[in-house]
Amino acid sequence: MKLTVAYWITPKGEILEPESYHIGSVIKSPEKFGYTKEKLQKIYDKYDESMSAGLEGRAREEIMTNLLKRGFIRIRRRIRDGYTVQIDRLTPKVEDNLWQWANYELKKAISRYDNVNIYKLKDGKVIKTNLDKIASGSQIKESKSYMDESEINNIRVFTDRTIHEMTDYFEYAENLIDEDTDQEIIDEILEHKYSVMMKHLK
């Protein structure tokens, strides 16, 4: 049994398993991550670093950050510490991709109740949950029970980006509703409960 396990989840939900280093997968198969060897080399050259899977330098940081911002999810599991998940921010698509991954991972997980700490690049916050909750379709929620004044002042409702995502979501949901769909399920879908929607996929 490996002491650590690594995953990439692509924006489309494909689960990739790096042999060891996350950046190693990008270097080995750049096209899967929207890069070419030449583009990667330019980034490494910019920082005067060698393109190496084991080098944790500034080039790696730029590439990994860019991937997270484009919707990739980075996951690492350590036997004693559970799962560390890195995302840019929590969107309906990211949550659906995590739901699919958790159900995939449950087939070989040490414990279905292993801790999962989700680190959000966008706001620097951490969501604490576990594998079972994500796999069950429970909505992933912030673990903080309060907000300080600066956080309250930074709340923005219905930004242009949020509205765009909501439009995509409801177009996606429309394809799942037909005359045989229970009203309760329709209500949950319309309440933007995308994890519930995913559970009822046929």
N, C-alpha and C. Protein backbone atom coordinates (compact mmCIF):
# COMPACT_ATOMS: atom_id res chain seq x y z
N MET A 1 0.84 -1.20 0.00
CA MET A 1 0.00 0.00 0.00
C MET A 1 0.87 1.25 0.00
N LYS A 2 0.56 2.18 -0.89
CA LYS A 2 1.33 3.42 -0.96
C LYS A 2 1.05 4.28 0.27
N LEU A 3 2.09 4.96 0.74
CA LEU A 3 1.92 5.87 1.87
C LEU A 3 1.19 7.12 1.44
N THR A 4 1.37 7.52 0.18
CA THR A 4 0.65 8.68 -0.34
C THR A 4 0.03 8.32 -1.69
N VAL A 5 -1.07 8.95 -2.00
CA VAL A 5 -1.74 8.75 -3.29
C VAL A 5 -2.06 10.13 -3.85
N ALA A 6 -1.87 10.29 -5.15
CA ALA A 6 -2.10 11.59 -5.77
C ALA A 6 -3.16 11.48 -6.85
N TYR A 7 -3.92 12.57 -7.03
CA TYR A 7 -4.91 12.64 -8.09
C TYR A 7 -4.91 14.04 -8.70
N TRP A 8 -5.18 14.08 -9.98
CA TRP A 8 -5.64 15.28 -10.66
C TRP A 8 -7.06 15.00 -11.11
N ILE A 9 -7.94 15.97 -11.00
CA ILE A 9 -9.26 15.87 -11.63
C ILE A 9 -9.33 17.00 -12.64
N THR A 10 -9.61 16.66 -13.89
CA THR A 10 -9.69 17.68 -14.93
C THR A 10 -11.01 18.43 -14.82
N PRO A 11 -11.12 19.60 -15.46
CA PRO A 11 -12.39 20.34 -15.44
C PRO A 11 -13.57 19.53 -15.96
N LYS A 12 -13.31 18.53 -16.80
CA LYS A 12 -14.39 17.69 -17.33
C LYS A 12 -14.71 16.51 -16.42
N GLY A 13 -13.96 16.38 -15.32
CA GLY A 13 -14.24 15.31 -14.37
C GLY A 13 -13.39 14.06 -14.53
N GLU A 14 -12.45 14.06 -15.47
CA GLU A 14 -11.58 12.89 -15.64
C GLU A 14 -10.61 12.79 -14.46
N ILE A 15 -10.49 11.60 -13.90
CA ILE A 15 -9.62 11.38 -12.75
C ILE A 15 -8.29 10.81 -13.25
N LEU A 16 -7.21 11.54 -12.98
CA LEU A 16 -5.88 11.12 -13.38
C LEU A 16 -5.07 10.78 -12.13
N GLU A 17 -4.25 9.75 -12.20
CA GLU A 17 -3.46 9.32 -11.05
C GLU A 17 -1.97 9.44 -11.36
N PRO A 18 -1.34 10.51 -10.93
CA PRO A 18 0.11 10.64 -11.13
C PRO A 18 0.86 9.53 -10.43
N GLU A 19 1.98 9.15 -10.99
CA GLU A 19 2.80 8.11 -10.36
C GLU A 19 3.34 8.59 -9.02
N SER A 20 3.70 9.84 -8.94
CA SER A 20 4.24 10.38 -7.69
C SER A 20 3.94 11.86 -7.57
N TYR A 21 4.63 12.67 -8.41
CA TYR A 21 4.49 14.12 -8.34
C TYR A 21 3.40 14.62 -9.29
N HIS A 22 2.60 15.56 -8.81
CA HIS A 22 1.56 16.14 -9.66
C HIS A 22 2.16 16.83 -10.87
N ILE A 23 3.21 17.60 -10.65
CA ILE A 23 3.84 18.31 -11.78
C ILE A 23 4.45 17.33 -12.77
N GLY A 24 4.81 16.14 -12.28
CA GLY A 24 5.37 15.12 -13.16
C GLY A 24 4.39 14.69 -14.23
N SER A 25 3.11 14.62 -13.87
CA SER A 25 2.08 14.27 -14.85
C SER A 25 1.95 15.35 -15.92
N VAL A 26 2.07 16.60 -15.49
CA VAL A 26 1.97 17.71 -16.45
C VAL A 26 3.15 17.67 -17.42
N ILE A 27 4.33 17.43 -16.90
CA ILE A 27 5.53 17.37 -17.74
C ILE A 27 5.46 16.18 -18.71
N LYS A 28 4.96 15.05 -18.20
CA LYS A 28 4.91 13.83 -19.00
C LYS A 28 3.85 13.91 -20.10
N SER A 29 2.68 14.47 -19.76
CA SER A 29 1.57 14.54 -20.73
C SER A 29 0.97 15.94 -20.74
N PRO A 30 1.71 16.94 -21.22
CA PRO A 30 1.25 18.33 -21.14
C PRO A 30 -0.07 18.59 -21.86
N GLU A 31 -0.34 17.82 -22.94
CA GLU A 31 -1.57 18.06 -23.70
C GLU A 31 -2.83 17.79 -22.87
N LYS A 32 -2.74 16.90 -21.90
CA LYS A 32 -3.90 16.63 -21.03
C LYS A 32 -4.23 17.83 -20.14
N PHE A 33 -3.26 18.72 -20.00
CA PHE A 33 -3.43 19.87 -19.10
C PHE A 33 -3.46 21.20 -19.87
N GLY A 34 -3.59 21.10 -21.19
CA GLY A 34 -3.69 22.31 -22.01
C GLY A 34 -2.36 22.98 -22.27
N TYR A 35 -1.26 22.25 -22.13
CA TYR A 35 0.08 22.78 -22.38
C TYR A 35 0.73 22.03 -23.53
N THR A 36 1.85 22.55 -23.97
CA THR A 36 2.76 21.83 -24.86
C THR A 36 4.11 21.81 -24.16
N LYS A 37 5.01 20.97 -24.63
CA LYS A 37 6.36 20.91 -24.04
C LYS A 37 7.05 22.27 -24.17
N GLU A 38 6.80 22.93 -25.31
CA GLU A 38 7.44 24.22 -25.56
C GLU A 38 6.95 25.28 -24.57
N LYS A 39 5.63 25.32 -24.31
CA LYS A 39 5.08 26.29 -23.36
C LYS A 39 5.61 26.05 -21.95
N LEU A 40 5.69 24.78 -21.57
CA LEU A 40 6.24 24.46 -20.26
C LEU A 40 7.70 24.90 -20.16
N GLN A 41 8.46 24.63 -21.23
CA GLN A 41 9.88 24.98 -21.21
C GLN A 41 10.08 26.48 -21.07
N LYS A 42 9.21 27.27 -21.71
CA LYS A 42 9.32 28.73 -21.60
C LYS A 42 9.11 29.19 -20.16
N ILE A 43 8.17 28.54 -19.47
CA ILE A 43 7.93 28.91 -18.07
C ILE A 43 9.14 28.57 -17.21
N TYR A 44 9.71 27.40 -17.42
CA TYR A 44 10.90 27.01 -16.64
C TYR A 44 12.09 27.90 -16.98
N ASP A 45 12.20 28.26 -18.26
CA ASP A 45 13.30 29.15 -18.67
C ASP A 45 13.16 30.53 -18.03
N LYS A 46 11.93 31.00 -17.90
CA LYS A 46 11.68 32.31 -17.31
C LYS A 46 12.26 32.41 -15.90
N TYR A 47 12.22 31.31 -15.17
CA TYR A 47 12.73 31.29 -13.79
C TYR A 47 14.12 30.66 -13.69
N ASP A 48 14.69 30.35 -14.86
CA ASP A 48 16.02 29.73 -14.90
C ASP A 48 16.06 28.44 -14.08
N GLU A 49 15.04 27.62 -14.27
CA GLU A 49 14.93 26.35 -13.55
C GLU A 49 14.88 25.20 -14.54
N SER A 50 15.35 24.05 -14.11
CA SER A 50 15.28 22.87 -14.98
C SER A 50 13.90 22.23 -14.86
N MET A 51 13.41 21.68 -15.96
CA MET A 51 12.11 21.04 -15.96
C MET A 51 12.24 19.66 -15.33
N SER A 52 11.91 19.61 -14.05
CA SER A 52 12.07 18.37 -13.29
C SER A 52 10.87 18.15 -12.38
N ALA A 53 10.39 16.91 -12.33
CA ALA A 53 9.23 16.59 -11.50
C ALA A 53 9.52 16.81 -10.02
N GLY A 54 10.76 16.65 -9.62
CA GLY A 54 11.11 16.76 -8.21
C GLY A 54 11.45 18.17 -7.75
N LEU A 55 11.47 19.13 -8.68
CA LEU A 55 11.83 20.50 -8.32
C LEU A 55 10.59 21.29 -7.95
N GLU A 56 10.54 21.79 -6.72
CA GLU A 56 9.39 22.58 -6.27
C GLU A 56 9.75 24.06 -6.28
N GLY A 57 9.92 24.60 -7.48
CA GLY A 57 10.33 25.98 -7.63
C GLY A 57 9.21 26.88 -8.08
N ARG A 58 9.59 28.05 -8.60
CA ARG A 58 8.61 29.05 -9.00
C ARG A 58 7.86 28.67 -10.28
N ALA A 59 8.53 27.95 -11.18
CA ALA A 59 7.86 27.51 -12.40
C ALA A 59 6.72 26.55 -12.06
N ARG A 60 7.01 25.61 -11.18
CA ARG A 60 5.98 24.66 -10.74
C ARG A 60 4.80 25.42 -10.12
N GLU A 61 5.10 26.39 -9.29
CA GLU A 61 4.04 27.15 -8.63
C GLU A 61 3.15 27.87 -9.64
N GLU A 62 3.77 28.47 -10.66
CA GLU A 62 2.98 29.17 -11.68
C GLU A 62 2.09 28.20 -12.45
N ILE A 63 2.63 27.06 -12.82
CA ILE A 63 1.87 26.07 -13.60
C ILE A 63 0.72 25.51 -12.77
N MET A 64 1.00 25.13 -11.53
CA MET A 64 -0.04 24.55 -10.68
C MET A 64 -1.14 25.56 -10.39
N THR A 65 -0.76 26.80 -10.11
CA THR A 65 -1.75 27.84 -9.84
C THR A 65 -2.64 28.07 -11.06
N ASN A 66 -2.03 28.10 -12.23
CA ASN A 66 -2.79 28.29 -13.46
C ASN A 66 -3.78 27.15 -13.68
N LEU A 67 -3.36 25.92 -13.40
CA LEU A 67 -4.25 24.77 -13.57
C LEU A 67 -5.44 24.86 -12.62
N LEU A 68 -5.19 25.22 -11.36
CA LEU A 68 -6.29 25.36 -10.40
C LEU A 68 -7.27 26.44 -10.86
N LYS A 69 -6.75 27.56 -11.35
CA LYS A 69 -7.61 28.64 -11.81
C LYS A 69 -8.45 28.24 -13.02
N ARG A 70 -7.96 27.25 -13.77
CA ARG A 70 -8.70 26.77 -14.94
C ARG A 70 -9.66 25.63 -14.60
N GLY A 71 -9.78 25.30 -13.31
CA GLY A 71 -10.77 24.30 -12.90
C GLY A 71 -10.24 22.93 -12.58
N PHE A 72 -8.92 22.74 -12.65
CA PHE A 72 -8.34 21.46 -12.24
C PHE A 72 -8.38 21.35 -10.72
N ILE A 73 -8.45 20.12 -10.23
CA ILE A 73 -8.44 19.84 -8.79
C ILE A 73 -7.23 18.97 -8.49
N ARG A 74 -6.49 19.36 -7.46
CA ARG A 74 -5.30 18.60 -7.05
C ARG A 74 -5.59 17.93 -5.71
N ILE A 75 -5.33 16.62 -5.63
CA ILE A 75 -5.61 15.86 -4.41
C ILE A 75 -4.40 15.03 -4.02
N ARG A 76 -4.13 15.01 -2.73
CA ARG A 76 -3.07 14.17 -2.17
C ARG A 76 -3.62 13.47 -0.93
N ARG A 77 -3.42 12.18 -0.83
CA ARG A 77 -3.81 11.45 0.37
C ARG A 77 -2.58 10.92 1.09
N ARG A 78 -2.54 11.19 2.38
CA ARG A 78 -1.51 10.60 3.24
C ARG A 78 -2.22 9.74 4.28
N ILE A 79 -1.66 8.59 4.59
CA ILE A 79 -2.34 7.63 5.45
C ILE A 79 -2.76 8.24 6.77
N ARG A 80 -1.91 9.02 7.39
CA ARG A 80 -2.23 9.56 8.72
C ARG A 80 -3.06 10.83 8.67
N ASP A 81 -2.97 11.58 7.58
CA ASP A 81 -3.59 12.91 7.55
C ASP A 81 -4.85 13.00 6.70
N GLY A 82 -5.24 11.92 6.06
CA GLY A 82 -6.41 11.99 5.18
C GLY A 82 -6.08 12.67 3.86
N TYR A 83 -7.06 13.37 3.31
CA TYR A 83 -6.93 13.95 1.97
C TYR A 83 -6.77 15.47 2.04
N THR A 84 -5.84 15.96 1.23
CA THR A 84 -5.68 17.39 1.02
C THR A 84 -6.13 17.69 -0.40
N VAL A 85 -7.11 18.56 -0.54
CA VAL A 85 -7.67 18.92 -1.85
C VAL A 85 -7.39 20.40 -2.09
N GLN A 86 -6.89 20.72 -3.26
CA GLN A 86 -6.66 22.12 -3.63
C GLN A 86 -7.52 22.47 -4.84
N ILE A 87 -8.29 23.56 -4.68
CA ILE A 87 -9.13 24.05 -5.77
C ILE A 87 -8.95 25.57 -5.85
N ASP A 88 -9.42 26.16 -6.93
CA ASP A 88 -9.42 27.63 -6.99
C ASP A 88 -10.57 28.16 -6.16
N ARG A 89 -11.76 27.67 -6.44
CA ARG A 89 -12.95 28.05 -5.68
C ARG A 89 -14.00 26.98 -5.87
N LEU A 90 -15.01 26.98 -5.02
CA LEU A 90 -16.03 25.94 -5.06
C LEU A 90 -17.16 26.36 -5.97
N THR A 91 -17.27 25.72 -7.12
CA THR A 91 -18.34 25.97 -8.08
C THR A 91 -19.19 24.70 -8.18
N PRO A 92 -20.37 24.80 -8.79
CA PRO A 92 -21.17 23.58 -8.98
C PRO A 92 -20.41 22.47 -9.69
N LYS A 93 -19.63 22.82 -10.70
CA LYS A 93 -18.90 21.80 -11.45
C LYS A 93 -17.80 21.18 -10.60
N VAL A 94 -17.08 21.98 -9.84
CA VAL A 94 -16.04 21.45 -8.95
C VAL A 94 -16.66 20.51 -7.93
N GLU A 95 -17.79 20.90 -7.35
CA GLU A 95 -18.44 20.04 -6.36
C GLU A 95 -18.90 18.73 -6.99
N ASP A 96 -19.45 18.78 -8.19
CA ASP A 96 -19.85 17.55 -8.88
C ASP A 96 -18.65 16.66 -9.16
N ASN A 97 -17.54 17.25 -9.58
CA ASN A 97 -16.33 16.48 -9.85
C ASN A 97 -15.80 15.83 -8.58
N LEU A 98 -15.88 16.52 -7.45
CA LEU A 98 -15.46 15.94 -6.17
C LEU A 98 -16.39 14.81 -5.76
N TRP A 99 -17.67 14.96 -6.03
CA TRP A 99 -18.64 13.90 -5.72
C TRP A 99 -18.29 12.62 -6.51
N GLN A 100 -18.01 12.77 -7.79
CA GLN A 100 -17.65 11.61 -8.60
C GLN A 100 -16.35 10.98 -8.12
N TRP A 101 -15.36 11.83 -7.80
CA TRP A 101 -14.08 11.31 -7.31
C TRP A 101 -14.26 10.56 -5.99
N ALA A 102 -15.05 11.11 -5.05
CA ALA A 102 -15.23 10.48 -3.74
C ALA A 102 -15.84 9.10 -3.89
N ASN A 103 -16.80 8.96 -4.79
CA ASN A 103 -17.41 7.64 -5.01
C ASN A 103 -16.42 6.67 -5.65
N TYR A 104 -15.56 7.18 -6.50
CA TYR A 104 -14.49 6.37 -7.08
C TYR A 104 -13.50 5.94 -6.00
N GLU A 105 -13.14 6.87 -5.13
CA GLU A 105 -12.15 6.62 -4.09
C GLU A 105 -12.66 5.67 -3.01
N LEU A 106 -13.96 5.70 -2.75
CA LEU A 106 -14.52 4.84 -1.70
C LEU A 106 -14.28 3.35 -1.97
N LYS A 107 -14.11 2.99 -3.24
CA LYS A 107 -13.90 1.59 -3.59
C LYS A 107 -12.57 1.06 -3.06
N LYS A 108 -11.63 1.96 -2.75
CA LYS A 108 -10.32 1.50 -2.28
C LYS A 108 -9.81 2.29 -1.08
N ALA A 109 -10.65 3.12 -0.51
CA ALA A 109 -10.22 3.97 0.61
C ALA A 109 -9.95 3.14 1.86
N ILE A 110 -9.06 3.64 2.70
CA ILE A 110 -8.77 2.99 3.98
C ILE A 110 -9.98 3.08 4.88
N SER A 111 -10.60 4.25 4.92
CA SER A 111 -11.80 4.46 5.70
C SER A 111 -12.70 5.45 4.98
N ARG A 112 -13.98 5.18 4.93
CA ARG A 112 -14.91 6.08 4.27
C ARG A 112 -15.05 7.39 5.04
N TYR A 113 -14.57 7.41 6.29
CA TYR A 113 -14.69 8.62 7.11
C TYR A 113 -13.36 9.38 7.21
N ASP A 114 -12.43 9.10 6.31
CA ASP A 114 -11.17 9.84 6.30
C ASP A 114 -11.43 11.33 6.12
N ASN A 115 -10.63 12.13 6.83
CA ASN A 115 -10.75 13.58 6.72
C ASN A 115 -10.42 14.05 5.31
N VAL A 116 -11.13 15.08 4.88
CA VAL A 116 -10.84 15.76 3.61
C VAL A 116 -10.79 17.25 3.90
N ASN A 117 -9.61 17.85 3.72
CA ASN A 117 -9.45 19.29 3.90
C ASN A 117 -9.34 19.94 2.52
N ILE A 118 -10.28 20.80 2.21
CA ILE A 118 -10.34 21.45 0.89
C ILE A 118 -9.81 22.87 1.02
N TYR A 119 -8.70 23.16 0.36
CA TYR A 119 -8.07 24.48 0.40
C TYR A 119 -8.46 25.26 -0.84
N LYS A 120 -9.02 26.45 -0.62
CA LYS A 120 -9.48 27.27 -1.74
C LYS A 120 -8.45 28.37 -2.03
N LEU A 121 -7.92 28.34 -3.24
CA LEU A 121 -6.92 29.33 -3.65
C LEU A 121 -7.50 30.74 -3.69
N LYS A 122 -8.76 30.86 -4.11
CA LYS A 122 -9.38 32.16 -4.33
C LYS A 122 -9.44 33.02 -3.08
N ASP A 123 -9.85 32.42 -1.95
CA ASP A 123 -9.99 33.21 -0.72
C ASP A 123 -9.14 32.72 0.43
N GLY A 124 -8.34 31.67 0.21
CA GLY A 124 -7.43 31.18 1.25
C GLY A 124 -8.11 30.45 2.38
N LYS A 125 -9.38 30.08 2.22
CA LYS A 125 -10.11 29.40 3.29
C LYS A 125 -10.02 27.88 3.15
N VAL A 126 -10.31 27.19 4.25
CA VAL A 126 -10.27 25.73 4.28
C VAL A 126 -11.65 25.21 4.64
N ILE A 127 -12.10 24.20 3.90
CA ILE A 127 -13.35 23.51 4.23
C ILE A 127 -12.98 22.14 4.77
N LYS A 128 -13.45 21.82 5.96
CA LYS A 128 -13.15 20.53 6.58
C LYS A 128 -14.37 19.63 6.45
N THR A 129 -14.20 18.47 5.84
CA THR A 129 -15.28 17.52 5.67
C THR A 129 -14.68 16.11 5.69
N ASN A 130 -15.41 15.12 5.20
CA ASN A 130 -14.83 13.78 5.09
C ASN A 130 -15.30 13.12 3.81
N LEU A 131 -14.67 12.00 3.49
CA LEU A 131 -14.92 11.32 2.22
C LEU A 131 -16.38 10.87 2.10
N ASP A 132 -16.92 10.35 3.18
CA ASP A 132 -18.30 9.84 3.17
C ASP A 132 -19.30 10.95 2.85
N LYS A 133 -19.11 12.12 3.46
CA LYS A 133 -20.04 13.22 3.22
C LYS A 133 -20.03 13.66 1.76
N ILE A 134 -18.83 13.75 1.19
CA ILE A 134 -18.74 14.16 -0.22
C ILE A 134 -19.39 13.12 -1.12
N ALA A 135 -19.11 11.83 -0.85
CA ALA A 135 -19.65 10.75 -1.69
C ALA A 135 -21.16 10.63 -1.57
N SER A 136 -21.72 11.01 -0.43
CA SER A 136 -23.16 10.89 -0.22
C SER A 136 -23.95 11.97 -0.96
N GLY A 137 -23.24 12.98 -1.44
CA GLY A 137 -23.91 14.07 -2.14
C GLY A 137 -24.27 15.23 -1.24
N SER A 138 -23.82 15.18 0.02
CA SER A 138 -24.07 16.31 0.91
C SER A 138 -23.39 17.55 0.35
N GLN A 139 -24.07 18.68 0.44
CA GLN A 139 -23.49 19.91 -0.06
C GLN A 139 -22.26 20.26 0.75
N ILE A 140 -21.19 20.60 0.07
CA ILE A 140 -19.95 20.98 0.75
C ILE A 140 -20.13 22.39 1.30
N LYS A 141 -19.96 22.54 2.59
CA LYS A 141 -20.20 23.83 3.23
C LYS A 141 -18.96 24.32 3.95
N GLU A 142 -18.90 25.63 4.13
CA GLU A 142 -17.82 26.23 4.91
C GLU A 142 -17.88 25.70 6.33
N SER A 143 -16.71 25.42 6.92
CA SER A 143 -16.67 24.90 8.27
C SER A 143 -16.71 26.00 9.32
N LYS A 144 -16.45 27.26 8.90
CA LYS A 144 -16.50 28.37 9.85
C LYS A 144 -17.94 28.71 10.18
N SER A 145 -18.20 28.96 11.45
CA SER A 145 -19.56 29.27 11.87
C SER A 145 -19.76 30.77 12.07
N TYR A 146 -18.76 31.57 11.75
CA TYR A 146 -18.87 33.01 11.91
C TYR A 146 -18.01 33.70 10.87
N MET A 147 -18.25 34.99 10.67
CA MET A 147 -17.44 35.79 9.77
C MET A 147 -17.02 37.05 10.51
N ASP A 148 -15.80 37.49 10.26
CA ASP A 148 -15.39 38.75 10.88
C ASP A 148 -15.86 39.92 10.00
N GLU A 149 -15.65 41.12 10.46
CA GLU A 149 -16.20 42.30 9.78
C GLU A 149 -15.67 42.44 8.36
N SER A 150 -14.39 42.17 8.17
CA SER A 150 -13.82 42.33 6.83
C SER A 150 -14.44 41.34 5.85
N GLU A 151 -14.73 40.11 6.33
CA GLU A 151 -15.35 39.11 5.46
C GLU A 151 -16.78 39.52 5.10
N ILE A 152 -17.51 40.06 6.07
CA ILE A 152 -18.87 40.52 5.80
C ILE A 152 -18.87 41.62 4.75
N ASN A 153 -17.91 42.55 4.86
CA ASN A 153 -17.82 43.67 3.91
C ASN A 153 -17.45 43.21 2.51
N ASN A 154 -16.81 42.04 2.41
CA ASN A 154 -16.36 41.54 1.12
C ASN A 154 -17.39 40.67 0.41
N ILE A 155 -18.54 40.46 1.05
CA ILE A 155 -19.56 39.63 0.42
C ILE A 155 -20.10 40.33 -0.83
N ARG A 156 -20.11 39.60 -1.94
CA ARG A 156 -20.70 40.14 -3.17
C ARG A 156 -21.70 39.11 -3.67
N VAL A 157 -22.91 39.55 -3.94
CA VAL A 157 -23.96 38.64 -4.38
C VAL A 157 -24.18 38.80 -5.87
N PHE A 158 -24.26 37.67 -6.57
CA PHE A 158 -24.56 37.65 -8.00
C PHE A 158 -23.61 38.50 -8.82
N THR A 159 -22.34 38.16 -8.77
CA THR A 159 -21.38 38.78 -9.67
C THR A 159 -21.65 38.27 -11.09
N ASP A 160 -21.06 38.93 -12.06
CA ASP A 160 -21.23 38.49 -13.45
C ASP A 160 -20.83 37.03 -13.62
N ARG A 161 -19.74 36.65 -12.95
CA ARG A 161 -19.25 35.28 -13.08
C ARG A 161 -20.22 34.29 -12.47
N THR A 162 -20.79 34.66 -11.31
CA THR A 162 -21.75 33.79 -10.65
C THR A 162 -22.99 33.60 -11.51
N ILE A 163 -23.49 34.69 -12.08
CA ILE A 163 -24.67 34.61 -12.93
C ILE A 163 -24.41 33.70 -14.12
N HIS A 164 -23.23 33.81 -14.71
CA HIS A 164 -22.86 32.97 -15.84
C HIS A 164 -22.88 31.49 -15.44
N GLU A 165 -22.31 31.19 -14.26
CA GLU A 165 -22.28 29.80 -13.79
C GLU A 165 -23.68 29.28 -13.52
N MET A 166 -24.55 30.13 -12.97
CA MET A 166 -25.91 29.70 -12.68
C MET A 166 -26.65 29.39 -13.97
N THR A 167 -26.42 30.18 -15.01
CA THR A 167 -27.05 29.92 -16.31
C THR A 167 -26.62 28.56 -16.84
N ASP A 168 -25.31 28.29 -16.79
CA ASP A 168 -24.80 26.99 -17.23
C ASP A 168 -25.44 25.86 -16.43
N TYR A 169 -25.58 26.08 -15.14
CA TYR A 169 -26.13 25.04 -14.26
C TYR A 169 -27.57 24.70 -14.64
N PHE A 170 -28.40 25.72 -14.83
CA PHE A 170 -29.80 25.45 -15.10
C PHE A 170 -30.01 24.87 -16.50
N GLU A 171 -29.16 25.25 -17.45
CA GLU A 171 -29.23 24.61 -18.77
C GLU A 171 -28.91 23.13 -18.64
N TYR A 172 -27.93 22.82 -17.79
CA TYR A 172 -27.54 21.43 -17.54
C TYR A 172 -28.68 20.68 -16.86
N ALA A 173 -29.33 21.33 -15.88
CA ALA A 173 -30.40 20.71 -15.11
C ALA A 173 -31.61 20.40 -15.97
N GLU A 174 -31.91 21.28 -16.93
CA GLU A 174 -33.08 21.09 -17.79
C GLU A 174 -33.04 19.75 -18.51
N ASN A 175 -31.84 19.31 -18.86
CA ASN A 175 -31.69 18.05 -19.58
C ASN A 175 -31.99 16.83 -18.70
N LEU A 176 -32.05 17.02 -17.37
CA LEU A 176 -32.27 15.91 -16.46
C LEU A 176 -33.73 15.78 -16.03
N ILE A 177 -34.53 16.80 -16.32
CA ILE A 177 -35.92 16.81 -15.87
C ILE A 177 -36.84 16.37 -17.01
N ASP A 178 -37.69 15.38 -16.72
CA ASP A 178 -38.71 14.97 -17.68
C ASP A 178 -40.02 14.77 -16.95
N GLU A 179 -41.03 14.22 -17.66
CA GLU A 179 -42.36 14.10 -17.05
C GLU A 179 -42.39 13.09 -15.91
N ASP A 180 -41.39 12.22 -15.81
CA ASP A 180 -41.35 11.22 -14.75
C ASP A 180 -40.57 11.67 -13.52
N THR A 181 -40.01 12.87 -13.56
CA THR A 181 -39.20 13.35 -12.43
C THR A 181 -40.10 13.79 -11.28
N ASP A 182 -39.80 13.30 -10.07
CA ASP A 182 -40.58 13.67 -8.89
C ASP A 182 -40.47 15.17 -8.63
N GLN A 183 -41.57 15.76 -8.15
CA GLN A 183 -41.57 17.19 -7.85
C GLN A 183 -40.52 17.53 -6.80
N GLU A 184 -40.31 16.64 -5.83
CA GLU A 184 -39.33 16.90 -4.77
C GLU A 184 -37.93 17.07 -5.37
N ILE A 185 -37.61 16.24 -6.33
CA ILE A 185 -36.30 16.31 -6.98
C ILE A 185 -36.20 17.60 -7.80
N ILE A 186 -37.27 17.95 -8.51
CA ILE A 186 -37.28 19.19 -9.29
C ILE A 186 -37.05 20.38 -8.37
N ASP A 187 -37.73 20.39 -7.22
CA ASP A 187 -37.59 21.50 -6.27
C ASP A 187 -36.15 21.62 -5.80
N GLU A 188 -35.52 20.46 -5.53
CA GLU A 188 -34.14 20.50 -5.05
C GLU A 188 -33.20 20.99 -6.13
N ILE A 189 -33.46 20.57 -7.36
CA ILE A 189 -32.63 21.04 -8.48
C ILE A 189 -32.78 22.55 -8.64
N LEU A 190 -34.00 23.04 -8.57
CA LEU A 190 -34.23 24.46 -8.74
C LEU A 190 -33.67 25.28 -7.57
N GLU A 191 -33.44 24.65 -6.45
CA GLU A 191 -32.81 25.32 -5.32
C GLU A 191 -31.29 25.30 -5.45
N HIS A 192 -30.82 24.87 -6.62
CA HIS A 192 -29.39 24.89 -6.91
C HIS A 192 -28.63 23.83 -6.13
N LYS A 193 -29.33 22.74 -5.77
CA LYS A 193 -28.66 21.65 -5.06
C LYS A 193 -28.10 20.69 -6.10
N TYR A 194 -26.97 21.06 -6.68
CA TYR A 194 -26.38 20.30 -7.77
C TYR A 194 -25.92 18.92 -7.35
N SER A 195 -25.54 18.75 -6.08
CA SER A 195 -25.12 17.42 -5.63
C SER A 195 -26.31 16.47 -5.63
N VAL A 196 -27.50 16.96 -5.29
CA VAL A 196 -28.70 16.14 -5.34
C VAL A 196 -29.01 15.78 -6.78
N MET A 197 -28.87 16.76 -7.65
CA MET A 197 -29.09 16.52 -9.07
C MET A 197 -28.20 15.37 -9.58
N MET A 198 -26.94 15.40 -9.18
CA MET A 198 -26.01 14.38 -9.65
C MET A 198 -26.39 13.00 -9.15
N LYS A 199 -26.96 12.93 -7.95
CA LYS A 199 -27.34 11.63 -7.41
C LYS A 199 -28.47 10.99 -8.21
N HIS A 200 -29.27 11.82 -8.89
CA HIS A 200 -30.42 11.31 -9.61
C HIS A 200 -30.16 11.15 -11.11
N LEU A 201 -28.91 11.23 -11.50
CA LEU A 201 -28.58 10.98 -12.91
C LEU A 201 -28.95 9.54 -13.27
N LYS A 202 -29.50 9.33 -14.44
CA LYS A 202 -29.90 7.98 -14.85
C LYS A 202 -28.82 7.37 -15.76
